[in-house]
Amino acid sequence: MANFLLSKDPRQNEIAVVPPLKWAGGKRWFASNHLELLPEKFNNYVEPFLGSGALFFSVRPEKSILSDVNEELINLYEVIRDEPKALKAKLAEHQRKHGTDYYYEVRRSRPRKALNTAARTLYLNRTCWNGLYRVNLQGQFNVPKGTKDNVVLETDNFEKLAAILLTATIKCQDFELTLDAAQKGDFAFIDPPYTVAHNNNGFVKYNQNLFSWDDQVRLRNAVKRATRRGVKVLVTNAAHESVISLYKDFEHVIVDRAGVIAGKASARGRYEEVVIKCF
């Protein structure tokens, strides 16, 4: 298979289509500002923490493996790929019915069909507080209604999203399985939930319940195995001394981003993240 070549001209690397989800920790800002950190040439694209898929939709690789342990998330991408028009129609139905009572009715619901589940996922993502995905100990989505009421967006292009996703293998599985499948010449973009050895903010503390420090160590070990096989790996994470020490054997770059998870706009500043280059 021919290698994918990332253009040096940023106009050739613009996001092909706006990602359908607003995702805490999403990488739209990274895809818009830091593509120069990616390898210029690689075979398959591998992303084991898919999230909003911002970098994937920006790079538009010819062949890729995408995965996440979040079943709802993977179901959404499979439905976008397989039933884009039907999903668009379901979202329009949610838009017509949207309101406070309806939001909590949908939040309590447990659809059986993949299409209805995907529409629920996207509806809640777009109308909940700050697009935050959070579940309780019973696995129930528990984010309150937010201030935004637009369910159908002008940027929606599910047909184009579907065409891009058709080139990808999509799996619901642990990151280790995905990363261990990457081979020499492949590029793995790794954007795990941010946790540090010593929690220093509420959001990171919440992530600790989903992705522990032991998981961070397990990930680092999987990255080392991959690089020994000749996989090109780029890891993004919290710019914390414990994370930087964890990847002390690799090159790292500090970048900053705008913070968006805060109750008040005045509390949102700019935060540093670390990018670990393993190639």
Foldseek 3Di string as FASTA:
>chain_A
DAKQFDDPPVVLQAQPAQQLFQEALDCLVCSNPPPVLFDRIFHEEEEADCTSVNNCSRSLDQEYEYEEQDPLVLLLLVCLQPPVPLLLVLLVVCLVVDDQVVLVVLLPDDDDDSSSSNSSLSQCLQFFASSYADADPVRRTDTHGHDDRDSDDPRDDSVVSNVSCVRYHYDNDHSLVRLVPDAARYEYEYEAQAEFPDDDDDSNVRCCVVANVVNVLVVLVSVVVNVVRHYWYKYKYAPDPRSCVSPVVFDKDKDKDWADPDPDPVPIGIGIMMITTSD
